[in-house]
Amino acid sequence: VINDRECEKRIVSHGEDYERTIKYYLKYGGVIRF
């Protein structure tokens, strides 16, 4: 990540990486996946 503290906030413990994915996707219009 290029650190974005707003995107790193969590409302869940399990599935928190799903939450990160969604937040970065919504804010920046996409996520890079190899």
PDB file of all heavy atoms in Angstrom:
ATOM      1  N   VAL A   1       0.846  -1.196   0.000  1.00  0.00           N
ATOM      2  CA  VAL A   1       0.000   0.000   0.000  1.00  0.00           C
ATOM      3  C   VAL A   1       0.875   1.237   0.000  1.00  0.00           C
ATOM      4  O   VAL A   1       1.983   1.240   0.533  1.00  0.00           O
ATOM      5  CB  VAL A   1      -0.954   0.061   1.219  1.00  0.00           C
ATOM      6  CG1 VAL A   1      -1.867  -1.159   1.261  1.00  0.00           C
ATOM      7  CG2 VAL A   1      -0.192   0.205   2.519  1.00  0.00           C
ATOM      8  N   ILE A   2       0.380   2.275  -0.654  1.00  0.00           N
ATOM      9  CA  ILE A   2       0.905   3.617  -0.451  1.00  0.00           C
ATOM     10  C   ILE A   2       0.007   4.191   0.636  1.00  0.00           C
ATOM     11  O   ILE A   2      -1.146   4.527   0.395  1.00  0.00           O
ATOM     12  CB  ILE A   2       0.869   4.431  -1.755  1.00  0.00           C
ATOM     13  CG1 ILE A   2       1.709   3.737  -2.834  1.00  0.00           C
ATOM     14  CG2 ILE A   2       1.390   5.851  -1.499  1.00  0.00           C
ATOM     15  CD1 ILE A   2       1.638   4.379  -4.197  1.00  0.00           C
ATOM     16  N   ASN A   3       0.514   4.245   1.814  1.00  0.00           N
ATOM     17  CA  ASN A   3      -0.280   4.358   3.037  1.00  0.00           C
ATOM     18  C   ASN A   3      -1.367   5.431   2.983  1.00  0.00           C
ATOM     19  O   ASN A   3      -1.092   6.607   2.785  1.00  0.00           O
ATOM     20  CB  ASN A   3       0.652   4.624   4.220  1.00  0.00           C
ATOM     21  CG  ASN A   3      -0.040   4.455   5.556  1.00  0.00           C
ATOM     22  OD1 ASN A   3      -1.019   3.725   5.678  1.00  0.00           O
ATOM     23  ND2 ASN A   3       0.490   5.117   6.575  1.00  0.00           N
ATOM     24  N   ASP A   4      -2.607   4.995   3.188  1.00  0.00           N
ATOM     25  CA  ASP A   4      -3.759   5.878   3.312  1.00  0.00           C
ATOM     26  C   ASP A   4      -4.475   5.477   4.596  1.00  0.00           C
ATOM     27  O   ASP A   4      -5.145   4.439   4.641  1.00  0.00           O
ATOM     28  CB  ASP A   4      -4.681   5.738   2.102  1.00  0.00           C
ATOM     29  CG  ASP A   4      -5.865   6.702   2.142  1.00  0.00           C
ATOM     30  OD1 ASP A   4      -6.422   6.918   3.241  1.00  0.00           O
ATOM     31  OD2 ASP A   4      -6.259   7.221   1.088  1.00  0.00           O
ATOM     32  N   ARG A   5      -4.330   6.259   5.630  1.00  0.00           N
ATOM     33  CA  ARG A   5      -4.865   5.885   6.939  1.00  0.00           C
ATOM     34  C   ARG A   5      -6.378   5.765   6.937  1.00  0.00           C
ATOM     35  O   ARG A   5      -6.943   4.979   7.700  1.00  0.00           O
ATOM     36  CB  ARG A   5      -4.398   6.888   7.992  1.00  0.00           C
ATOM     37  CG  ARG A   5      -2.905   6.820   8.254  1.00  0.00           C
ATOM     38  CD  ARG A   5      -2.438   7.923   9.164  1.00  0.00           C
ATOM     39  NE  ARG A   5      -0.996   7.868   9.382  1.00  0.00           N
ATOM     40  CZ  ARG A   5      -0.271   8.883   9.829  1.00  0.00           C
ATOM     41  NH1 ARG A   5      -0.865  10.039  10.111  1.00  0.00           N
ATOM     42  NH2 ARG A   5       1.030   8.753  10.000  1.00  0.00           N
ATOM     43  N   GLU A   6      -7.042   6.542   6.093  1.00  0.00           N
ATOM     44  CA  GLU A   6      -8.499   6.444   6.003  1.00  0.00           C
ATOM     45  C   GLU A   6      -8.905   5.082   5.460  1.00  0.00           C
ATOM     46  O   GLU A   6      -9.845   4.447   5.953  1.00  0.00           O
ATOM     47  CB  GLU A   6      -9.047   7.560   5.111  1.00  0.00           C
ATOM     48  CG  GLU A   6     -10.562   7.641   5.068  1.00  0.00           C
ATOM     49  CD  GLU A   6     -11.168   8.031   6.405  1.00  0.00           C
ATOM     50  OE1 GLU A   6     -10.500   8.758   7.168  1.00  0.00           O
ATOM     51  OE2 GLU A   6     -12.306   7.594   6.686  1.00  0.00           O
ATOM     52  N   CYS A   7      -8.195   4.598   4.453  1.00  0.00           N
ATOM     53  CA  CYS A   7      -8.494   3.282   3.872  1.00  0.00           C
ATOM     54  C   CYS A   7      -8.107   2.146   4.801  1.00  0.00           C
ATOM     55  O   CYS A   7      -8.594   1.016   4.634  1.00  0.00           O
ATOM     56  CB  CYS A   7      -7.775   3.127   2.534  1.00  0.00           C
ATOM     57  SG  CYS A   7      -8.419   4.172   1.209  1.00  0.00           S
ATOM     58  N   GLU A   8      -7.232   2.404   5.761  1.00  0.00           N
ATOM     59  CA  GLU A   8      -6.782   1.353   6.675  1.00  0.00           C
ATOM     60  C   GLU A   8      -7.639   1.256   7.941  1.00  0.00           C
ATOM     61  O   GLU A   8      -7.378   0.405   8.792  1.00  0.00           O
ATOM     62  CB  GLU A   8      -5.322   1.587   7.055  1.00  0.00           C
ATOM     63  CG  GLU A   8      -4.348   1.460   5.898  1.00  0.00           C
ATOM     64  CD  GLU A   8      -4.275   0.056   5.312  1.00  0.00           C
ATOM     65  OE1 GLU A   8      -4.576  -0.914   6.036  1.00  0.00           O
ATOM     66  OE2 GLU A   8      -3.923  -0.068   4.127  1.00  0.00           O
ATOM     67  N   LYS A   9      -8.651   2.083   8.061  1.00  0.00           N
ATOM     68  CA  LYS A   9      -9.566   1.952   9.198  1.00  0.00           C
ATOM     69  C   LYS A   9     -10.402   0.689   9.021  1.00  0.00           C
ATOM     70  O   LYS A   9     -10.759   0.314   7.905  1.00  0.00           O
ATOM     71  CB  LYS A   9     -10.471   3.180   9.311  1.00  0.00           C
ATOM     72  CG  LYS A   9      -9.745   4.446   9.747  1.00  0.00           C
ATOM     73  CD  LYS A   9     -10.700   5.623   9.851  1.00  0.00           C
ATOM     74  CE  LYS A   9      -9.970   6.880  10.297  1.00  0.00           C
ATOM     75  NZ  LYS A   9     -10.887   8.051  10.367  1.00  0.00           N
ATOM     76  N   ARG A  10     -10.765   0.041  10.125  1.00  0.00           N
ATOM     77  CA  ARG A  10     -11.475  -1.231  10.063  1.00  0.00           C
ATOM     78  C   ARG A  10     -12.760  -1.203  10.888  1.00  0.00           C
ATOM     79  O   ARG A  10     -12.787  -0.647  11.985  1.00  0.00           O
ATOM     80  CB  ARG A  10     -10.597  -2.371  10.588  1.00  0.00           C
ATOM     81  CG  ARG A  10      -9.319  -2.595   9.788  1.00  0.00           C
ATOM     82  CD  ARG A  10      -9.628  -3.177   8.414  1.00  0.00           C
ATOM     83  NE  ARG A  10      -8.405  -3.487   7.703  1.00  0.00           N
ATOM     84  CZ  ARG A  10      -7.778  -2.642   6.887  1.00  0.00           C
ATOM     85  NH1 ARG A  10      -8.263  -1.420   6.707  1.00  0.00           N
ATOM     86  NH2 ARG A  10      -6.663  -3.005   6.275  1.00  0.00           N
ATOM     87  N   ILE A  11     -13.800  -1.830  10.341  1.00  0.00           N
ATOM     88  CA  ILE A  11     -15.014  -2.068  11.118  1.00  0.00           C
ATOM     89  C   ILE A  11     -15.160  -3.550  11.444  1.00  0.00           C
ATOM     90  O   ILE A  11     -16.038  -3.937  12.211  1.00  0.00           O
ATOM     91  CB  ILE A  11     -16.274  -1.568  10.379  1.00  0.00           C
ATOM     92  CG1 ILE A  11     -16.474  -2.326   9.058  1.00  0.00           C
ATOM     93  CG2 ILE A  11     -16.215  -0.073  10.164  1.00  0.00           C
ATOM     94  CD1 ILE A  11     -17.819  -2.066   8.403  1.00  0.00           C
ATOM     95  N   VAL A  12     -14.305  -4.404  10.845  1.00  0.00           N
ATOM     96  CA  VAL A  12     -14.359  -5.843  11.119  1.00  0.00           C
ATOM     97  C   VAL A  12     -12.956  -6.344  11.434  1.00  0.00           C
ATOM     98  O   VAL A  12     -11.953  -5.723  11.077  1.00  0.00           O
ATOM     99  CB  VAL A  12     -14.931  -6.632   9.920  1.00  0.00           C
ATOM    100  CG1 VAL A  12     -16.382  -6.269   9.677  1.00  0.00           C
ATOM    101  CG2 VAL A  12     -14.090  -6.442   8.667  1.00  0.00           C
ATOM    102  N   SER A  13     -12.895  -7.481  12.096  1.00  0.00           N
ATOM    103  CA  SER A  13     -11.616  -8.140  12.347  1.00  0.00           C
ATOM    104  C   SER A  13     -11.378  -9.207  11.286  1.00  0.00           C
ATOM    105  O   SER A  13     -10.466  -9.108  10.475  1.00  0.00           O
ATOM    106  CB  SER A  13     -11.578  -8.737  13.756  1.00  0.00           C
ATOM    107  OG  SER A  13     -12.712  -9.546  13.989  1.00  0.00           O
ATOM    108  N   HIS A  14     -12.222 -10.231  11.239  1.00  0.00           N
ATOM    109  CA  HIS A  14     -12.052 -11.197  10.155  1.00  0.00           C
ATOM    110  C   HIS A  14     -12.610 -10.609   8.866  1.00  0.00           C
ATOM    111  O   HIS A  14     -13.635  -9.951   8.845  1.00  0.00           O
ATOM    112  CB  HIS A  14     -12.765 -12.515  10.452  1.00  0.00           C
ATOM    113  CG  HIS A  14     -12.469 -13.548   9.408  1.00  0.00           C
ATOM    114  ND1 HIS A  14     -11.336 -14.315   9.441  1.00  0.00           N
ATOM    115  CD2 HIS A  14     -13.136 -13.886   8.277  1.00  0.00           C
ATOM    116  CE1 HIS A  14     -11.319 -15.104   8.378  1.00  0.00           C
ATOM    117  NE2 HIS A  14     -12.401 -14.864   7.658  1.00  0.00           N
ATOM    118  N   GLY A  15     -11.901 -10.860   7.764  1.00  0.00           N
ATOM    119  CA  GLY A  15     -12.297 -10.270   6.492  1.00  0.00           C
ATOM    120  C   GLY A  15     -11.787  -8.854   6.335  1.00  0.00           C
ATOM    121  O   GLY A  15     -12.211  -8.134   5.431  1.00  0.00           O
ATOM    122  N   GLU A  16     -10.863  -8.445   7.212  1.00  0.00           N
ATOM    123  CA  GLU A  16     -10.388  -7.074   7.164  1.00  0.00           C
ATOM    124  C   GLU A  16      -9.638  -6.770   5.871  1.00  0.00           C
ATOM    125  O   GLU A  16      -9.582  -5.625   5.436  1.00  0.00           O
ATOM    126  CB  GLU A  16      -9.529  -6.749   8.385  1.00  0.00           C
ATOM    127  CG  GLU A  16      -8.323  -7.633   8.608  1.00  0.00           C
ATOM    128  CD  GLU A  16      -7.136  -7.227   7.771  1.00  0.00           C
ATOM    129  OE1 GLU A  16      -7.053  -6.044   7.405  1.00  0.00           O
ATOM    130  OE2 GLU A  16      -6.307  -8.093   7.460  1.00  0.00           O
ATOM    131  N   ASP A  17      -9.064  -7.800   5.216  1.00  0.00           N
ATOM    132  CA  ASP A  17      -8.403  -7.531   3.946  1.00  0.00           C
ATOM    133  C   ASP A  17      -9.413  -7.335   2.810  1.00  0.00           C
ATOM    134  O   ASP A  17      -9.131  -6.634   1.835  1.00  0.00           O
ATOM    135  CB  ASP A  17      -7.367  -8.605   3.596  1.00  0.00           C
ATOM    136  CG  ASP A  17      -7.865 -10.021   3.795  1.00  0.00           C
ATOM    137  OD1 ASP A  17      -9.044 -10.218   4.145  1.00  0.00           O
ATOM    138  OD2 ASP A  17      -7.058 -10.952   3.603  1.00  0.00           O
ATOM    139  N   TYR A  18     -10.603  -7.939   2.937  1.00  0.00           N
ATOM    140  CA  TYR A  18     -11.685  -7.608   2.009  1.00  0.00           C
ATOM    141  C   TYR A  18     -12.062  -6.131   2.171  1.00  0.00           C
ATOM    142  O   TYR A  18     -12.306  -5.423   1.189  1.00  0.00           O
ATOM    143  CB  TYR A  18     -12.910  -8.479   2.266  1.00  0.00           C
ATOM    144  CG  TYR A  18     -12.790  -9.887   1.749  1.00  0.00           C
ATOM    145  CD1 TYR A  18     -12.292 -10.901   2.561  1.00  0.00           C
ATOM    146  CD2 TYR A  18     -13.176 -10.212   0.452  1.00  0.00           C
ATOM    147  CE1 TYR A  18     -12.174 -12.203   2.093  1.00  0.00           C
ATOM    148  CE2 TYR A  18     -13.067 -11.507  -0.028  1.00  0.00           C
ATOM    149  CZ  TYR A  18     -12.556 -12.509   0.797  1.00  0.00           C
ATOM    150  OH  TYR A  18     -12.437 -13.792   0.328  1.00  0.00           O
ATOM    151  N   GLU A  19     -12.108  -5.703   3.417  1.00  0.00           N
ATOM    152  CA  GLU A  19     -12.457  -4.307   3.689  1.00  0.00           C
ATOM    153  C   GLU A  19     -11.408  -3.365   3.106  1.00  0.00           C
ATOM    154  O   GLU A  19     -11.748  -2.335   2.503  1.00  0.00           O
ATOM    155  CB  GLU A  19     -12.606  -4.085   5.194  1.00  0.00           C
ATOM    156  CG  GLU A  19     -13.100  -2.698   5.555  1.00  0.00           C
ATOM    157  CD  GLU A  19     -13.324  -2.527   7.052  1.00  0.00           C
ATOM    158  OE1 GLU A  19     -13.029  -3.463   7.838  1.00  0.00           O
ATOM    159  OE2 GLU A  19     -13.794  -1.441   7.435  1.00  0.00           O
ATOM    160  N   ARG A  20     -10.120  -3.693   3.286  1.00  0.00           N
ATOM    161  CA  ARG A  20      -9.066  -2.864   2.706  1.00  0.00           C
ATOM    162  C   ARG A  20      -9.229  -2.791   1.186  1.00  0.00           C
ATOM    163  O   ARG A  20      -9.158  -1.705   0.593  1.00  0.00           O
ATOM    164  CB  ARG A  20      -7.688  -3.428   3.024  1.00  0.00           C
ATOM    165  CG  ARG A  20      -6.588  -2.656   2.268  1.00  0.00           C
ATOM    166  CD  ARG A  20      -5.250  -3.350   2.243  1.00  0.00           C
ATOM    167  NE  ARG A  20      -4.627  -3.330   3.543  1.00  0.00           N
ATOM    168  CZ  ARG A  20      -4.368  -4.423   4.248  1.00  0.00           C
ATOM    169  NH1 ARG A  20      -4.698  -5.608   3.775  1.00  0.00           N
ATOM    170  NH2 ARG A  20      -3.798  -4.331   5.423  1.00  0.00           N
ATOM    171  N   THR A  21      -9.449  -3.944   0.545  1.00  0.00           N
ATOM    172  CA  THR A  21      -9.594  -3.979  -0.912  1.00  0.00           C
ATOM    173  C   THR A  21     -10.700  -3.033  -1.372  1.00  0.00           C
ATOM    174  O   THR A  21     -10.522  -2.227  -2.293  1.00  0.00           O
ATOM    175  CB  THR A  21      -9.912  -5.405  -1.387  1.00  0.00           C
ATOM    176  OG1 THR A  21      -8.891  -6.307  -0.945  1.00  0.00           O
ATOM    177  CG2 THR A  21     -10.004  -5.462  -2.902  1.00  0.00           C
ATOM    178  N   ILE A  22     -11.850  -3.146  -0.729  1.00  0.00           N
ATOM    179  CA  ILE A  22     -13.006  -2.332  -1.123  1.00  0.00           C
ATOM    180  C   ILE A  22     -12.719  -0.849  -0.933  1.00  0.00           C
ATOM    181  O   ILE A  22     -13.025  -0.018  -1.802  1.00  0.00           O
ATOM    182  CB  ILE A  22     -14.256  -2.751  -0.318  1.00  0.00           C
ATOM    183  CG1 ILE A  22     -14.690  -4.165  -0.725  1.00  0.00           C
ATOM    184  CG2 ILE A  22     -15.394  -1.765  -0.536  1.00  0.00           C
ATOM    185  CD1 ILE A  22     -15.749  -4.764   0.191  1.00  0.00           C
ATOM    186  N   LYS A  23     -12.114  -0.484   0.196  1.00  0.00           N
ATOM    187  CA  LYS A  23     -11.878   0.929   0.480  1.00  0.00           C
ATOM    188  C   LYS A  23     -10.897   1.551  -0.503  1.00  0.00           C
ATOM    189  O   LYS A  23     -11.116   2.668  -1.000  1.00  0.00           O
ATOM    190  CB  LYS A  23     -11.386   1.097   1.921  1.00  0.00           C
ATOM    191  CG  LYS A  23     -12.483   0.924   2.955  1.00  0.00           C
ATOM    192  CD  LYS A  23     -11.989   1.261   4.348  1.00  0.00           C
ATOM    193  CE  LYS A  23     -13.148   1.305   5.334  1.00  0.00           C
ATOM    194  NZ  LYS A  23     -12.704   1.690   6.688  1.00  0.00           N
ATOM    195  N   TYR A  24      -9.799   0.856  -0.798  1.00  0.00           N
ATOM    196  CA  TYR A  24      -8.847   1.398  -1.763  1.00  0.00           C
ATOM    197  C   TYR A  24      -9.466   1.433  -3.162  1.00  0.00           C
ATOM    198  O   TYR A  24      -9.209   2.364  -3.941  1.00  0.00           O
ATOM    199  CB  TYR A  24      -7.559   0.577  -1.773  1.00  0.00           C
ATOM    200  CG  TYR A  24      -6.577   0.973  -0.692  1.00  0.00           C
ATOM    201  CD1 TYR A  24      -6.473   0.244   0.495  1.00  0.00           C
ATOM    202  CD2 TYR A  24      -5.733   2.074  -0.855  1.00  0.00           C
ATOM    203  CE1 TYR A  24      -5.571   0.593   1.484  1.00  0.00           C
ATOM    204  CE2 TYR A  24      -4.817   2.434   0.134  1.00  0.00           C
ATOM    205  CZ  TYR A  24      -4.744   1.688   1.302  1.00  0.00           C
ATOM    206  OH  TYR A  24      -3.842   2.055   2.279  1.00  0.00           O
ATOM    207  N   TYR A  25     -10.273   0.444  -3.489  1.00  0.00           N
ATOM    208  CA  TYR A  25     -10.941   0.414  -4.800  1.00  0.00           C
ATOM    209  C   TYR A  25     -11.895   1.596  -4.950  1.00  0.00           C
ATOM    210  O   TYR A  25     -11.897   2.290  -5.974  1.00  0.00           O
ATOM    211  CB  TYR A  25     -11.695  -0.901  -4.959  1.00  0.00           C
ATOM    212  CG  TYR A  25     -12.585  -0.946  -6.189  1.00  0.00           C
ATOM    213  CD1 TYR A  25     -12.063  -1.241  -7.437  1.00  0.00           C
ATOM    214  CD2 TYR A  25     -13.948  -0.683  -6.089  1.00  0.00           C
ATOM    215  CE1 TYR A  25     -12.876  -1.268  -8.567  1.00  0.00           C
ATOM    216  CE2 TYR A  25     -14.774  -0.703  -7.205  1.00  0.00           C
ATOM    217  CZ  TYR A  25     -14.228  -1.003  -8.433  1.00  0.00           C
ATOM    218  OH  TYR A  25     -15.033  -1.017  -9.545  1.00  0.00           O
ATOM    219  N   LEU A  26     -12.705   1.837  -3.940  1.00  0.00           N
ATOM    220  CA  LEU A  26     -13.683   2.909  -4.018  1.00  0.00           C
ATOM    221  C   LEU A  26     -13.008   4.282  -4.076  1.00  0.00           C
ATOM    222  O   LEU A  26     -13.438   5.169  -4.814  1.00  0.00           O
ATOM    223  CB  LEU A  26     -14.629   2.854  -2.819  1.00  0.00           C
ATOM    224  CG  LEU A  26     -15.672   1.734  -2.830  1.00  0.00           C
ATOM    225  CD1 LEU A  26     -16.427   1.703  -1.501  1.00  0.00           C
ATOM    226  CD2 LEU A  26     -16.651   1.920  -3.990  1.00  0.00           C
ATOM    227  N   LYS A  27     -11.943   4.461  -3.319  1.00  0.00           N
ATOM    228  CA  LYS A  27     -11.311   5.788  -3.247  1.00  0.00           C
ATOM    229  C   LYS A  27     -10.453   6.088  -4.467  1.00  0.00           C
ATOM    230  O   LYS A  27     -10.412   7.243  -4.939  1.00  0.00           O
ATOM    231  CB  LYS A  27     -10.476   5.902  -1.977  1.00  0.00           C
ATOM    232  CG  LYS A  27      -9.922   7.307  -1.748  1.00  0.00           C
ATOM    233  CD  LYS A  27      -9.364   7.472  -0.353  1.00  0.00           C
ATOM    234  CE  LYS A  27      -8.858   8.904  -0.136  1.00  0.00           C
ATOM    235  NZ  LYS A  27      -8.356   9.110   1.251  1.00  0.00           N
ATOM    236  N   TYR A  28      -9.782   5.052  -5.014  1.00  0.00           N
ATOM    237  CA  TYR A  28      -8.822   5.298  -6.087  1.00  0.00           C
ATOM    238  C   TYR A  28      -9.217   4.667  -7.422  1.00  0.00           C
ATOM    239  O   TYR A  28      -8.461   4.752  -8.390  1.00  0.00           O
ATOM    240  CB  TYR A  28      -7.434   4.819  -5.661  1.00  0.00           C
ATOM    241  CG  TYR A  28      -6.917   5.597  -4.468  1.00  0.00           C
ATOM    242  CD1 TYR A  28      -6.960   5.053  -3.186  1.00  0.00           C
ATOM    243  CD2 TYR A  28      -6.433   6.893  -4.614  1.00  0.00           C
ATOM    244  CE1 TYR A  28      -6.515   5.775  -2.085  1.00  0.00           C
ATOM    245  CE2 TYR A  28      -5.985   7.625  -3.530  1.00  0.00           C
ATOM    246  CZ  TYR A  28      -6.031   7.056  -2.260  1.00  0.00           C
ATOM    247  OH  TYR A  28      -5.597   7.787  -1.177  1.00  0.00           O
ATOM    248  N   GLY A  29     -10.390   4.052  -7.482  1.00  0.00           N
ATOM    249  CA  GLY A  29     -10.899   3.558  -8.757  1.00  0.00           C
ATOM    250  C   GLY A  29     -10.346   2.232  -9.208  1.00  0.00           C
ATOM    251  O   GLY A  29     -10.600   1.803 -10.346  1.00  0.00           O
ATOM    252  N   GLY A  30      -9.619   1.546  -8.353  1.00  0.00           N
ATOM    253  CA  GLY A  30      -9.096   0.237  -8.715  1.00  0.00           C
ATOM    254  C   GLY A  30      -8.021  -0.228  -7.756  1.00  0.00           C
ATOM    255  O   GLY A  30      -7.537   0.543  -6.908  1.00  0.00           O
ATOM    256  N   VAL A  31      -7.655  -1.495  -7.878  1.00  0.00           N
ATOM    257  CA  VAL A  31      -6.538  -2.081  -7.142  1.00  0.00           C
ATOM    258  C   VAL A  31      -5.726  -2.925  -8.123  1.00  0.00           C
ATOM    259  O   VAL A  31      -6.273  -3.511  -9.065  1.00  0.00           O
ATOM    260  CB  VAL A  31      -7.006  -2.951  -5.950  1.00  0.00           C
ATOM    261  CG1 VAL A  31      -7.567  -2.099  -4.830  1.00  0.00           C
ATOM    262  CG2 VAL A  31      -8.036  -3.990  -6.385  1.00  0.00           C
ATOM    263  N   ILE A  32      -4.437  -2.981  -7.909  1.00  0.00           N
ATOM    264  CA  ILE A  32      -3.539  -3.743  -8.769  1.00  0.00           C
ATOM    265  C   ILE A  32      -3.396  -5.160  -8.229  1.00  0.00           C
ATOM    266  O   ILE A  32      -3.070  -5.346  -7.060  1.00  0.00           O
ATOM    267  CB  ILE A  32      -2.136  -3.090  -8.810  1.00  0.00           C
ATOM    268  CG1 ILE A  32      -2.209  -1.627  -9.235  1.00  0.00           C
ATOM    269  CG2 ILE A  32      -1.196  -3.903  -9.711  1.00  0.00           C
ATOM    270  CD1 ILE A  32      -2.579  -1.388 -10.656  1.00  0.00           C
ATOM    271  N   ARG A  33      -3.670  -6.167  -9.089  1.00  0.00           N
ATOM    272  CA  ARG A  33      -3.442  -7.546  -8.642  1.00  0.00           C
ATOM    273  C   ARG A  33      -2.651  -8.323  -9.682  1.00  0.00           C
ATOM    274  O   ARG A  33      -3.035  -8.391 -10.848  1.00  0.00           O
ATOM    275  CB  ARG A  33      -4.752  -8.275  -8.339  1.00  0.00           C
ATOM    276  CG  ARG A  33      -4.501  -9.557  -7.527  1.00  0.00           C
ATOM    277  CD  ARG A  33      -5.770 -10.240  -7.090  1.00  0.00           C
ATOM    278  NE  ARG A  33      -6.348 -11.079  -8.132  1.00  0.00           N
ATOM    279  CZ  ARG A  33      -7.405 -11.879  -7.963  1.00  0.00           C
ATOM    280  NH1 ARG A  33      -8.015 -11.888  -6.784  1.00  0.00           N
ATOM    281  NH2 ARG A  33      -7.885 -12.593  -8.952  1.00  0.00           N
ATOM    282  N   PHE A  34      -1.547  -8.914  -9.222  1.00  0.00           N
ATOM    283  CA  PHE A  34      -0.753  -9.806 -10.052  1.00  0.00           C
ATOM    284  C   PHE A  34      -1.400 -11.193 -10.003  1.00  0.00           C
ATOM    285  O   PHE A  34      -1.240 -11.928  -9.021  1.00  0.00           O
ATOM    286  CB  PHE A  34       0.687  -9.880  -9.548  1.00  0.00           C
ATOM    287  CG  PHE A  34       1.445  -8.587  -9.659  1.00  0.00           C
ATOM    288  CD1 PHE A  34       1.545  -7.724  -8.575  1.00  0.00           C
ATOM    289  CD2 PHE A  34       2.054  -8.220 -10.853  1.00  0.00           C
ATOM    290  CE1 PHE A  34       2.242  -6.527  -8.673  1.00  0.00           C
ATOM    291  CE2 PHE A  34       2.751  -7.026 -10.961  1.00  0.00           C
ATOM    292  CZ  PHE A  34       2.854  -6.167  -9.871  1.00  0.00           C
TER     293      PHE A  34
END
